[in-house]
Amino acid sequence: MSEVLVVASKVKKYIKDQSGMSTSATVMEALTKSVQSACDQAIENAKREKRKTVMDRDFG
């Protein structure tokens, strides 16, 4: 697994606060993959627009 890109304690707290549920250890790896994928797509969107800055509009 690559470096985790999410703050595990914050994710676990959010899930607990919203649902009362616990969080599996494998959630951080899955979330990291999702974040990496979103970032990769945003990078490509910025490159396509010939920018050197990734902006909020590059996501989604």
N, C-alpha and C. Protein backbone atom coordinates (compact mmCIF):
# COMPACT_ATOMS: atom_id res chain seq x y z
N MET A 1 0.85 -1.19 0.00
CA MET A 1 0.00 0.00 0.00
C MET A 1 0.88 1.24 0.00
N SER A 2 0.45 2.25 -0.73
CA SER A 2 1.20 3.50 -0.74
C SER A 2 0.85 4.31 0.51
N GLU A 3 1.43 5.47 0.61
CA GLU A 3 1.19 6.34 1.76
C GLU A 3 -0.30 6.68 1.88
N VAL A 4 -0.83 6.60 3.07
CA VAL A 4 -2.23 6.92 3.32
C VAL A 4 -2.41 8.43 3.19
N LEU A 5 -3.41 8.85 2.40
CA LEU A 5 -3.62 10.27 2.13
C LEU A 5 -4.77 10.88 2.92
N VAL A 6 -5.33 10.10 3.82
CA VAL A 6 -6.43 10.61 4.64
C VAL A 6 -6.04 10.49 6.11
N VAL A 7 -6.62 11.34 6.92
CA VAL A 7 -6.35 11.30 8.36
C VAL A 7 -7.31 10.29 8.99
N ALA A 8 -6.76 9.14 9.35
CA ALA A 8 -7.58 8.02 9.83
C ALA A 8 -8.45 8.41 11.02
N SER A 9 -7.89 9.13 11.97
CA SER A 9 -8.66 9.48 13.16
C SER A 9 -9.86 10.36 12.82
N LYS A 10 -9.69 11.25 11.86
CA LYS A 10 -10.79 12.14 11.47
C LYS A 10 -11.88 11.37 10.73
N VAL A 11 -11.47 10.45 9.86
CA VAL A 11 -12.44 9.63 9.13
C VAL A 11 -13.22 8.76 10.11
N LYS A 12 -12.51 8.11 11.02
CA LYS A 12 -13.17 7.25 12.01
C LYS A 12 -14.13 8.05 12.88
N LYS A 13 -13.72 9.25 13.29
CA LYS A 13 -14.59 10.09 14.11
C LYS A 13 -15.83 10.51 13.33
N TYR A 14 -15.65 10.89 12.08
CA TYR A 14 -16.78 11.31 11.25
C TYR A 14 -17.79 10.16 11.11
N ILE A 15 -17.29 8.99 10.79
CA ILE A 15 -18.18 7.83 10.62
C ILE A 15 -18.89 7.51 11.93
N LYS A 16 -18.16 7.53 13.03
CA LYS A 16 -18.75 7.26 14.35
C LYS A 16 -19.81 8.30 14.69
N ASP A 17 -19.48 9.59 14.48
CA ASP A 17 -20.41 10.67 14.80
C ASP A 17 -21.67 10.63 13.94
N GLN A 18 -21.51 10.27 12.66
CA GLN A 18 -22.64 10.27 11.74
C GLN A 18 -23.53 9.04 11.87
N SER A 19 -22.93 7.91 12.29
CA SER A 19 -23.68 6.66 12.23
C SER A 19 -23.61 5.80 13.49
N GLY A 20 -22.63 6.09 14.36
CA GLY A 20 -22.42 5.23 15.52
C GLY A 20 -21.67 3.96 15.16
N MET A 21 -21.21 3.87 13.92
CA MET A 21 -20.51 2.67 13.45
C MET A 21 -19.00 2.78 13.64
N SER A 22 -18.37 1.61 13.71
CA SER A 22 -16.91 1.54 13.74
C SER A 22 -16.40 1.52 12.29
N THR A 23 -15.09 1.69 12.14
CA THR A 23 -14.48 1.73 10.82
C THR A 23 -13.42 0.64 10.70
N SER A 24 -13.54 -0.16 9.66
CA SER A 24 -12.58 -1.23 9.38
C SER A 24 -11.22 -0.63 9.02
N ALA A 25 -10.16 -1.34 9.36
CA ALA A 25 -8.80 -0.89 9.05
C ALA A 25 -8.58 -0.76 7.55
N THR A 26 -9.28 -1.53 6.75
CA THR A 26 -9.09 -1.50 5.29
C THR A 26 -9.73 -0.29 4.63
N VAL A 27 -10.52 0.46 5.38
CA VAL A 27 -11.18 1.65 4.82
C VAL A 27 -10.15 2.68 4.38
N MET A 28 -9.08 2.87 5.13
CA MET A 28 -8.10 3.90 4.80
C MET A 28 -7.43 3.61 3.45
N GLU A 29 -7.14 2.34 3.19
CA GLU A 29 -6.54 1.98 1.90
C GLU A 29 -7.52 2.27 0.76
N ALA A 30 -8.79 1.91 0.94
CA ALA A 30 -9.80 2.16 -0.09
C ALA A 30 -9.98 3.66 -0.33
N LEU A 31 -10.02 4.43 0.75
CA LEU A 31 -10.17 5.89 0.61
C LEU A 31 -8.94 6.51 -0.06
N THR A 32 -7.77 6.02 0.27
CA THR A 32 -6.55 6.53 -0.36
C THR A 32 -6.59 6.28 -1.86
N LYS A 33 -7.03 5.11 -2.27
CA LYS A 33 -7.13 4.81 -3.70
C LYS A 33 -8.12 5.76 -4.38
N SER A 34 -9.23 6.04 -3.72
CA SER A 34 -10.22 6.97 -4.27
C SER A 34 -9.65 8.38 -4.39
N VAL A 35 -8.94 8.82 -3.35
CA VAL A 35 -8.34 10.15 -3.36
C VAL A 35 -7.27 10.24 -4.45
N GLN A 36 -6.44 9.22 -4.57
CA GLN A 36 -5.40 9.21 -5.60
C GLN A 36 -6.01 9.29 -6.99
N SER A 37 -7.06 8.53 -7.22
CA SER A 37 -7.73 8.51 -8.51
C SER A 37 -8.32 9.89 -8.83
N ALA A 38 -8.98 10.50 -7.85
CA ALA A 38 -9.56 11.83 -8.04
C ALA A 38 -8.46 12.85 -8.33
N CYS A 39 -7.35 12.77 -7.62
CA CYS A 39 -6.23 13.70 -7.83
C CYS A 39 -5.62 13.50 -9.21
N ASP A 40 -5.44 12.25 -9.62
CA ASP A 40 -4.87 11.96 -10.94
C ASP A 40 -5.75 12.56 -12.04
N GLN A 41 -7.06 12.42 -11.91
CA GLN A 41 -7.99 12.98 -12.90
C GLN A 41 -7.93 14.50 -12.89
N ALA A 42 -7.86 15.09 -11.70
CA ALA A 42 -7.78 16.55 -11.59
C ALA A 42 -6.49 17.07 -12.22
N ILE A 43 -5.40 16.35 -12.03
CA ILE A 43 -4.11 16.73 -12.64
C ILE A 43 -4.24 16.73 -14.15
N GLU A 44 -4.85 15.70 -14.69
CA GLU A 44 -5.04 15.61 -16.15
C GLU A 44 -5.93 16.75 -16.65
N ASN A 45 -6.97 17.09 -15.90
CA ASN A 45 -7.85 18.19 -16.29
C ASN A 45 -7.08 19.51 -16.32
N ALA A 46 -6.24 19.74 -15.33
CA ALA A 46 -5.43 20.97 -15.29
C ALA A 46 -4.43 21.00 -16.45
N LYS A 47 -3.80 19.87 -16.73
CA LYS A 47 -2.85 19.79 -17.86
C LYS A 47 -3.56 20.08 -19.18
N ARG A 48 -4.75 19.54 -19.34
CA ARG A 48 -5.51 19.74 -20.56
C ARG A 48 -5.82 21.22 -20.77
N GLU A 49 -6.00 21.94 -19.67
CA GLU A 49 -6.26 23.38 -19.72
C GLU A 49 -4.96 24.20 -19.73
N LYS A 50 -3.83 23.49 -19.81
CA LYS A 50 -2.50 24.10 -19.86
C LYS A 50 -2.21 24.97 -18.63
N ARG A 51 -2.64 24.47 -17.46
CA ARG A 51 -2.36 25.15 -16.20
C ARG A 51 -1.37 24.33 -15.40
N LYS A 52 -0.64 25.01 -14.52
CA LYS A 52 0.29 24.34 -13.61
C LYS A 52 -0.27 24.28 -12.21
N THR A 53 -1.54 24.67 -12.06
CA THR A 53 -2.20 24.66 -10.77
C THR A 53 -3.47 23.83 -10.87
N VAL A 54 -3.61 22.87 -9.97
CA VAL A 54 -4.84 22.09 -9.88
C VAL A 54 -5.83 22.91 -9.05
N MET A 55 -7.02 23.08 -9.60
CA MET A 55 -8.04 23.90 -8.95
C MET A 55 -9.25 23.05 -8.58
N ASP A 56 -10.11 23.61 -7.76
CA ASP A 56 -11.30 22.88 -7.34
C ASP A 56 -12.13 22.42 -8.53
N ARG A 57 -12.20 23.23 -9.57
CA ARG A 57 -13.00 22.87 -10.74
C ARG A 57 -12.43 21.66 -11.50
N ASP A 58 -11.20 21.28 -11.21
CA ASP A 58 -10.61 20.11 -11.86
C ASP A 58 -11.13 18.80 -11.30
N PHE A 59 -11.76 18.88 -10.13
CA PHE A 59 -12.36 17.69 -9.51
C PHE A 59 -13.83 17.62 -9.94
N GLY A 60 -14.19 16.50 -10.52
CA GLY A 60 -15.59 16.29 -10.89
C GLY A 60 -16.04 16.93 -12.10
